[in-house]
PDB file of N, CA and C in Angstrom:
ATOM      1  N   UNK A   1     161.343 214.292 119.943  1.00  0.00           N
ATOM      2  CA  UNK A   1     161.289 213.473 118.751  1.00  0.00           C
ATOM      3  C   UNK A   1     160.974 214.373 117.555  1.00  0.00           C
ATOM      4  N   UNK A   2     161.691 214.167 116.492  1.00  0.00           N
ATOM      5  CA  UNK A   2     161.543 214.994 115.303  1.00  0.00           C
ATOM      6  C   UNK A   2     160.360 214.518 114.456  1.00  0.00           C
ATOM      7  N   UNK A   3     159.538 215.447 114.034  1.00  0.00           N
ATOM      8  CA  UNK A   3     158.398 215.138 113.170  1.00  0.00           C
ATOM      9  C   UNK A   3     158.802 215.344 111.719  1.00  0.00           C
ATOM     10  N   UNK A   4     158.390 214.429 110.880  1.00  0.00           N
ATOM     11  CA  UNK A   4     158.679 214.540 109.458  1.00  0.00           C
ATOM     12  C   UNK A   4     157.536 215.274 108.763  1.00  0.00           C
ATOM     13  N   UNK A   5     157.887 216.113 107.837  1.00  0.00           N
ATOM     14  CA  UNK A   5     156.880 216.802 107.042  1.00  0.00           C
ATOM     15  C   UNK A   5     156.349 215.850 105.981  1.00  0.00           C
ATOM     16  N   UNK A   6     155.171 216.105 105.430  1.00  0.00           N
ATOM     17  CA  UNK A   6     154.651 215.244 104.355  1.00  0.00           C
ATOM     18  C   UNK A   6     155.588 215.172 103.147  1.00  0.00           C
ATOM     19  N   UNK A   7     156.285 216.255 102.850  1.00  0.00           N
ATOM     20  CA  UNK A   7     157.213 216.235 101.717  1.00  0.00           C
ATOM     21  C   UNK A   7     158.378 215.283 101.981  1.00  0.00           C
ATOM     22  N   UNK A   8     158.866 215.250 103.204  1.00  0.00           N
ATOM     23  CA  UNK A   8     159.953 214.337 103.553  1.00  0.00           C
ATOM     24  C   UNK A   8     159.490 212.888 103.479  1.00  0.00           C
ATOM     25  N   UNK A   9     158.303 212.626 103.970  1.00  0.00           N
ATOM     26  CA  UNK A   9     157.766 211.268 103.921  1.00  0.00           C
ATOM     27  C   UNK A   9     157.571 210.832 102.471  1.00  0.00           C
ATOM     28  N   UNK A  10     157.093 211.732 101.623  1.00  0.00           N
ATOM     29  CA  UNK A  10     156.922 211.414 100.213  1.00  0.00           C
ATOM     30  C   UNK A  10     158.263 211.087  99.561  1.00  0.00           C
ATOM     31  N   UNK A  11     159.290 211.834  99.893  1.00  0.00           N
ATOM     32  CA  UNK A  11     160.630 211.552  99.343  1.00  0.00           C
ATOM     33  C   UNK A  11     161.135 210.191  99.784  1.00  0.00           C
ATOM     34  N   UNK A  12     160.929 209.862 101.052  1.00  0.00           N
ATOM     35  CA  UNK A  12     161.369 208.558 101.556  1.00  0.00           C
ATOM     36  C   UNK A  12     160.637 207.433 100.836  1.00  0.00           C
ATOM     37  N   UNK A  13     159.333 207.576 100.661  1.00  0.00           N
ATOM     38  CA  UNK A  13     158.548 206.554  99.967  1.00  0.00           C
ATOM     39  C   UNK A  13     159.008 206.411  98.522  1.00  0.00           C
ATOM     40  N   UNK A  14     159.278 207.515  97.848  1.00  0.00           N
ATOM     41  CA  UNK A  14     159.742 207.451  96.455  1.00  0.00           C
ATOM     42  C   UNK A  14     161.105 206.775  96.347  1.00  0.00           C
ATOM     43  N   UNK A  15     161.999 207.050  97.279  1.00  0.00           N
ATOM     44  CA  UNK A  15     163.313 206.398  97.269  1.00  0.00           C
ATOM     45  C   UNK A  15     163.157 204.899  97.508  1.00  0.00           C
ATOM     46  N   UNK A  16     162.307 204.525  98.454  1.00  0.00           N
ATOM     47  CA  UNK A  16     162.100 203.100  98.723  1.00  0.00           C
ATOM     48  C   UNK A  16     161.436 202.383  97.553  1.00  0.00           C
ATOM     49  N   UNK A  17     160.497 203.037  96.883  1.00  0.00           N
ATOM     50  CA  UNK A  17     159.881 202.428  95.705  1.00  0.00           C
ATOM     51  C   UNK A  17     160.882 202.288  94.565  1.00  0.00           C
ATOM     52  N   UNK A  18     161.771 203.253  94.432  1.00  0.00           N
ATOM     53  CA  UNK A  18     162.815 203.152  93.408  1.00  0.00           C
ATOM     54  C   UNK A  18     163.751 201.995  93.709  1.00  0.00           C
ATOM     55  N   UNK A  19     164.154 201.858  94.966  1.00  0.00           N
ATOM     56  CA  UNK A  19     164.996 200.719  95.340  1.00  0.00           C
ATOM     57  C   UNK A  19     164.266 199.399  95.129  1.00  0.00           C
ATOM     58  N   UNK A  20     162.977 199.378  95.429  1.00  0.00           N
ATOM     59  CA  UNK A  20     162.185 198.178  95.207  1.00  0.00           C
ATOM     60  C   UNK A  20     162.146 197.824  93.725  1.00  0.00           C
ATOM     61  N   UNK A  21     162.009 198.822  92.882  1.00  0.00           N
ATOM     62  CA  UNK A  21     161.982 198.566  91.436  1.00  0.00           C
ATOM     63  C   UNK A  21     163.313 198.008  90.961  1.00  0.00           C
ATOM     64  N   UNK A  22     164.388 198.587  91.438  1.00  0.00           N
ATOM     65  CA  UNK A  22     165.715 198.157  90.992  1.00  0.00           C
ATOM     66  C   UNK A  22     166.046 196.765  91.515  1.00  0.00           C
ATOM     67  N   UNK A  23     165.746 196.508  92.773  1.00  0.00           N
ATOM     68  CA  UNK A  23     166.159 195.245  93.385  1.00  0.00           C
ATOM     69  C   UNK A  23     165.197 194.084  93.153  1.00  0.00           C
ATOM     70  N   UNK A  24     163.912 194.365  93.004  1.00  0.00           N
ATOM     71  CA  UNK A  24     162.931 193.288  92.904  1.00  0.00           C
ATOM     72  C   UNK A  24     162.262 193.198  91.530  1.00  0.00           C
ATOM     73  N   UNK A  25     161.719 194.301  91.063  1.00  0.00           N
ATOM     74  CA  UNK A  25     160.903 194.255  89.853  1.00  0.00           C
ATOM     75  C   UNK A  25     161.739 194.108  88.588  1.00  0.00           C
ATOM     76  N   UNK A  26     162.844 194.822  88.480  1.00  0.00           N
ATOM     77  CA  UNK A  26     163.635 194.784  87.246  1.00  0.00           C
ATOM     78  C   UNK A  26     164.177 193.388  86.934  1.00  0.00           C
ATOM     79  N   UNK A  27     164.737 192.653  87.909  1.00  0.00           N
ATOM     80  CA  UNK A  27     165.191 191.288  87.574  1.00  0.00           C
ATOM     81  C   UNK A  27     164.059 190.374  87.105  1.00  0.00           C
ATOM     82  N   UNK A  28     162.875 190.528  87.705  1.00  0.00           N
ATOM     83  CA  UNK A  28     161.745 189.703  87.279  1.00  0.00           C
ATOM     84  C   UNK A  28     161.314 190.097  85.867  1.00  0.00           C
ATOM     85  N   UNK A  29     161.309 191.389  85.588  1.00  0.00           N
ATOM     86  CA  UNK A  29     160.969 191.873  84.250  1.00  0.00           C
ATOM     87  C   UNK A  29     161.940 191.325  83.210  1.00  0.00           C
ATOM     88  N   UNK A  30     163.231 191.372  83.514  1.00  0.00           N
ATOM     89  CA  UNK A  30     164.236 190.870  82.572  1.00  0.00           C
ATOM     90  C   UNK A  30     164.109 189.355  82.389  1.00  0.00           C
ATOM     91  N   UNK A  31     163.802 188.639  83.444  1.00  0.00           N
ATOM     92  CA  UNK A  31     163.608 187.200  83.337  1.00  0.00           C
ATOM     93  C   UNK A  31     162.423 186.877  82.440  1.00  0.00           C
ATOM     94  N   UNK A  32     161.345 187.643  82.561  1.00  0.00           N
ATOM     95  CA  UNK A  32     160.190 187.468  81.684  1.00  0.00           C
ATOM     96  C   UNK A  32     160.533 187.755  80.234  1.00  0.00           C
ATOM     97  N   UNK A  33     161.369 188.756  79.992  1.00  0.00           N
ATOM     98  CA  UNK A  33     161.803 189.040  78.620  1.00  0.00           C
ATOM     99  C   UNK A  33     162.690 187.914  78.097  1.00  0.00           C
ATOM    100  N   UNK A  34     163.512 187.365  78.960  1.00  0.00           N
ATOM    101  CA  UNK A  34     164.394 186.273  78.556  1.00  0.00           C
ATOM    102  C   UNK A  34     163.579 185.042  78.170  1.00  0.00           C
ATOM    103  N   UNK A  35     162.462 184.821  78.876  1.00  0.00           N
ATOM    104  CA  UNK A  35     161.568 183.709  78.560  1.00  0.00           C
ATOM    105  C   UNK A  35     160.609 184.038  77.424  1.00  0.00           C
ATOM    106  N   UNK A  36     160.723 185.233  76.863  1.00  0.00           N
ATOM    107  CA  UNK A  36     159.904 185.705  75.743  1.00  0.00           C
ATOM    108  C   UNK A  36     158.410 185.739  76.093  1.00  0.00           C
ATOM    109  N   UNK A  37     158.116 186.166  77.317  1.00  0.00           N
ATOM    110  CA  UNK A  37     156.717 186.333  77.718  1.00  0.00           C
ATOM    111  C   UNK A  37     156.155 187.583  77.055  1.00  0.00           C
ATOM    112  N   UNK A  38     154.866 187.591  76.737  1.00  0.00           N
ATOM    113  CA  UNK A  38     154.255 188.823  76.216  1.00  0.00           C
ATOM    114  C   UNK A  38     154.334 189.940  77.264  1.00  0.00           C
ATOM    115  N   UNK A  39     154.316 191.161  76.792  1.00  0.00           N
ATOM    116  CA  UNK A  39     154.461 192.308  77.689  1.00  0.00           C
ATOM    117  C   UNK A  39     153.352 192.365  78.728  1.00  0.00           C
ATOM    118  N   UNK A  40     152.105 192.075  78.326  1.00  0.00           N
ATOM    119  CA  UNK A  40     150.998 192.146  79.275  1.00  0.00           C
ATOM    120  C   UNK A  40     151.162 191.120  80.396  1.00  0.00           C
ATOM    121  N   UNK A  41     151.640 189.917  80.070  1.00  0.00           N
ATOM    122  CA  UNK A  41     151.838 188.887  81.075  1.00  0.00           C
ATOM    123  C   UNK A  41     153.006 189.237  81.991  1.00  0.00           C
ATOM    124  N   UNK A  42     154.038 189.772  81.403  1.00  0.00           N
ATOM    125  CA  UNK A  42     155.189 190.204  82.188  1.00  0.00           C
ATOM    126  C   UNK A  42     154.787 191.310  83.160  1.00  0.00           C
ATOM    127  N   UNK A  43     153.928 192.201  82.725  1.00  0.00           N
ATOM    128  CA  UNK A  43     153.443 193.279  83.588  1.00  0.00           C
ATOM    129  C   UNK A  43     152.563 192.728  84.708  1.00  0.00           C
ATOM    130  N   UNK A  44     151.721 191.749  84.390  1.00  0.00           N
ATOM    131  CA  UNK A  44     150.849 191.137  85.404  1.00  0.00           C
ATOM    132  C   UNK A  44     151.680 190.430  86.471  1.00  0.00           C
ATOM    133  N   UNK A  45     152.807 189.872  86.100  1.00  0.00           N
ATOM    134  CA  UNK A  45     153.675 189.190  87.058  1.00  0.00           C
ATOM    135  C   UNK A  45     154.498 190.191  87.865  1.00  0.00           C
ATOM    136  N   UNK A  46     155.000 191.230  87.227  1.00  0.00           N
ATOM    137  CA  UNK A  46     155.923 192.165  87.870  1.00  0.00           C
ATOM    138  C   UNK A  46     155.212 193.191  88.744  1.00  0.00           C
ATOM    139  N   UNK A  47     154.048 193.651  88.350  1.00  0.00           N
ATOM    140  CA  UNK A  47     153.372 194.721  89.075  1.00  0.00           C
ATOM    141  C   UNK A  47     153.031 194.359  90.525  1.00  0.00           C
ATOM    142  N   UNK A  48     152.471 193.185  90.808  1.00  0.00           N
ATOM    143  CA  UNK A  48     152.219 192.861  92.226  1.00  0.00           C
ATOM    144  C   UNK A  48     153.504 192.784  93.049  1.00  0.00           C
ATOM    145  N   UNK A  49     154.576 192.325  92.442  1.00  0.00           N
ATOM    146  CA  UNK A  49     155.849 192.269  93.149  1.00  0.00           C
ATOM    147  C   UNK A  49     156.343 193.667  93.485  1.00  0.00           C
ATOM    148  N   UNK A  50     156.202 194.582  92.554  1.00  0.00           N
ATOM    149  CA  UNK A  50     156.653 195.954  92.759  1.00  0.00           C
ATOM    150  C   UNK A  50     155.792 196.678  93.791  1.00  0.00           C
ATOM    151  N   UNK A  51     154.497 196.446  93.769  1.00  0.00           N
ATOM    152  CA  UNK A  51     153.584 197.162  94.656  1.00  0.00           C
ATOM    153  C   UNK A  51     153.336 196.466  95.990  1.00  0.00           C
ATOM    154  N   UNK A  52     153.872 195.254  96.173  1.00  0.00           N
ATOM    155  CA  UNK A  52     153.571 194.508  97.389  1.00  0.00           C
ATOM    156  C   UNK A  52     154.079 195.212  98.642  1.00  0.00           C
ATOM    157  N   UNK A  53     155.235 195.839  98.572  1.00  0.00           N
ATOM    158  CA  UNK A  53     155.752 196.551  99.740  1.00  0.00           C
ATOM    159  C   UNK A  53     154.846 197.728 100.096  1.00  0.00           C
ATOM    160  N   UNK A  54     154.410 198.446  99.087  1.00  0.00           N
ATOM    161  CA  UNK A  54     153.513 199.578  99.312  1.00  0.00           C
ATOM    162  C   UNK A  54     152.195 199.114  99.915  1.00  0.00           C
ATOM    163  N   UNK A  55     151.652 198.040  99.396  1.00  0.00           N
ATOM    164  CA  UNK A  55     150.369 197.525  99.879  1.00  0.00           C
ATOM    165  C   UNK A  55     150.492 197.008 101.313  1.00  0.00           C
ATOM    166  N   UNK A  56     151.508 196.215 101.567  1.00  0.00           N
ATOM    167  CA  UNK A  56     151.628 195.577 102.877  1.00  0.00           C
ATOM    168  C   UNK A  56     151.990 196.555 103.972  1.00  0.00           C
ATOM    169  N   UNK A  57     152.832 197.519 103.685  1.00  0.00           N
ATOM    170  CA  UNK A  57     153.354 198.376 104.745  1.00  0.00           C
ATOM    171  C   UNK A  57     152.641 199.708 104.902  1.00  0.00           C
ATOM    172  N   UNK A  58     152.050 200.231 103.854  1.00  0.00           N
ATOM    173  CA  UNK A  58     151.463 201.561 103.946  1.00  0.00           C
ATOM    174  C   UNK A  58     149.940 201.504 103.906  1.00  0.00           C
ATOM    175  N   UNK A  59     149.374 200.880 102.890  1.00  0.00           N
ATOM    176  CA  UNK A  59     147.926 200.902 102.729  1.00  0.00           C
ATOM    177  C   UNK A  59     147.192 200.053 103.764  1.00  0.00           C
ATOM    178  N   UNK A  60     147.812 198.959 104.208  1.00  0.00           N
ATOM    179  CA  UNK A  60     147.129 198.064 105.147  1.00  0.00           C
ATOM    180  C   UNK A  60     147.597 198.244 106.584  1.00  0.00           C
ATOM    181  N   UNK A  61     148.293 199.317 106.871  1.00  0.00           N
ATOM    182  CA  UNK A  61     148.751 199.577 108.224  1.00  0.00           C
ATOM    183  C   UNK A  61     147.555 199.874 109.122  1.00  0.00           C
ATOM    184  N   UNK A  62     147.556 199.260 110.292  1.00  0.00           N
ATOM    185  CA  UNK A  62     146.496 199.426 111.297  1.00  0.00           C
ATOM    186  C   UNK A  62     145.112 199.014 110.802  1.00  0.00           C
ATOM    187  N   UNK A  63     145.060 198.138 109.824  1.00  0.00           N
ATOM    188  CA  UNK A  63     143.765 197.606 109.354  1.00  0.00           C
ATOM    189  C   UNK A  63     143.576 196.236 109.979  1.00  0.00           C
ATOM    190  N   UNK A  64     142.396 195.972 110.407  1.00  0.00           N
ATOM    191  CA  UNK A  64     142.083 194.681 111.019  1.00  0.00           C
ATOM    192  C   UNK A  64     140.977 194.020 110.215  1.00  0.00           C
ATOM    193  N   UNK A  65     140.944 192.737 110.294  1.00  0.00           N
ATOM    194  CA  UNK A  65     139.914 191.989 109.588  1.00  0.00           C
ATOM    195  C   UNK A  65     140.539 190.913 108.717  1.00  0.00           C
ATOM    196  N   UNK A  66     139.687 190.038 108.271  1.00  0.00           N
ATOM    197  CA  UNK A  66     140.148 188.887 107.511  1.00  0.00           C
ATOM    198  C   UNK A  66     140.727 189.287 106.148  1.00  0.00           C
ATOM    199  N   UNK A  67     140.080 190.220 105.463  1.00  0.00           N
ATOM    200  CA  UNK A  67     140.542 190.621 104.130  1.00  0.00           C
ATOM    201  C   UNK A  67     141.899 191.307 104.213  1.00  0.00           C
ATOM    202  N   UNK A  68     142.075 192.195 105.183  1.00  0.00           N
ATOM    203  CA  UNK A  68     143.359 192.873 105.354  1.00  0.00           C
ATOM    204  C   UNK A  68     144.452 191.859 105.692  1.00  0.00           C
ATOM    205  N   UNK A  69     144.127 190.868 106.518  1.00  0.00           N
ATOM    206  CA  UNK A  69     145.093 189.836 106.877  1.00  0.00           C
ATOM    207  C   UNK A  69     145.518 189.037 105.649  1.00  0.00           C
ATOM    208  N   UNK A  70     144.566 188.668 104.814  1.00  0.00           N
ATOM    209  CA  UNK A  70     144.876 187.894 103.605  1.00  0.00           C
ATOM    210  C   UNK A  70     145.692 188.726 102.622  1.00  0.00           C
ATOM    211  N   UNK A  71     145.320 189.993 102.440  1.00  0.00           N
ATOM    212  CA  UNK A  71     146.072 190.854 101.520  1.00  0.00           C
ATOM    213  C   UNK A  71     147.490 191.107 102.000  1.00  0.00           C
ATOM    214  N   UNK A  72     147.667 191.312 103.311  1.00  0.00           N
ATOM    215  CA  UNK A  72     149.016 191.474 103.848  1.00  0.00           C
ATOM    216  C   UNK A  72     149.839 190.207 103.646  1.00  0.00           C
ATOM    217  N   UNK A  73     149.223 189.072 103.860  1.00  0.00           N
ATOM    218  CA  UNK A  73     149.922 187.802 103.658  1.00  0.00           C
ATOM    219  C   UNK A  73     150.316 187.590 102.206  1.00  0.00           C
ATOM    220  N   UNK A  74     149.430 187.950 101.280  1.00  0.00           N
ATOM    221  CA  UNK A  74     149.754 187.814  99.856  1.00  0.00           C
ATOM    222  C   UNK A  74     150.870 188.766  99.461  1.00  0.00           C
ATOM    223  N   UNK A  75     150.842 189.991  99.978  1.00  0.00           N
ATOM    224  CA  UNK A  75     151.899 190.952  99.663  1.00  0.00           C
ATOM    225  C   UNK A  75     153.229 190.498 100.251  1.00  0.00           C
ATOM    226  N   UNK A  76     153.225 189.971 101.458  1.00  0.00           N
ATOM    227  CA  UNK A  76     154.453 189.456 102.059  1.00  0.00           C
ATOM    228  C   UNK A  76     154.957 188.219 101.326  1.00  0.00           C
ATOM    229  N   UNK A  77     154.048 187.441 100.761  1.00  0.00           N
ATOM    230  CA  UNK A  77     154.455 186.275  99.980  1.00  0.00           C
ATOM    231  C   UNK A  77     155.304 186.694  98.786  1.00  0.00           C
ATOM    232  N   UNK A  78     154.881 187.764  98.089  1.00  0.00           N
ATOM    233  CA  UNK A  78     155.663 188.237  96.954  1.00  0.00           C
ATOM    234  C   UNK A  78     157.034 188.734  97.391  1.00  0.00           C
ATOM    235  N   UNK A  79     157.109 189.343  98.565  1.00  0.00           N
ATOM    236  CA  UNK A  79     158.408 189.798  99.069  1.00  0.00           C
ATOM    237  C   UNK A  79     159.300 188.610  99.419  1.00  0.00           C
ATOM    238  N   UNK A  80     158.687 187.524  99.866  1.00  0.00           N
ATOM    239  CA  UNK A  80     159.449 186.341 100.229  1.00  0.00           C
ATOM    240  C   UNK A  80     159.991 185.567  99.040  1.00  0.00           C
ATOM    241  N   UNK A  81     159.402 185.781  97.871  1.00  0.00           N
ATOM    242  CA  UNK A  81     159.898 185.087  96.686  1.00  0.00           C
ATOM    243  C   UNK A  81     161.271 185.597  96.361  1.00  0.00           C
TER     244      UNK A  81
END
């Protein structure tokens, strides 16, 4: 089995975050601009959507407990929207 170097893993994560921004965050950002939401509110709405994949899949991996379960569920909820 091939082992990935930290640099390769970082590249994969950056590509996935870029795809997440293009496919998920940008349409929500544009919708907020179309509704003439203030920038701070638009950022508060878009940022959890953009970071939910990172939170659910990387930061909370192999974490157990009620708080980790709730945070994973909230992050997956944003992905389900």
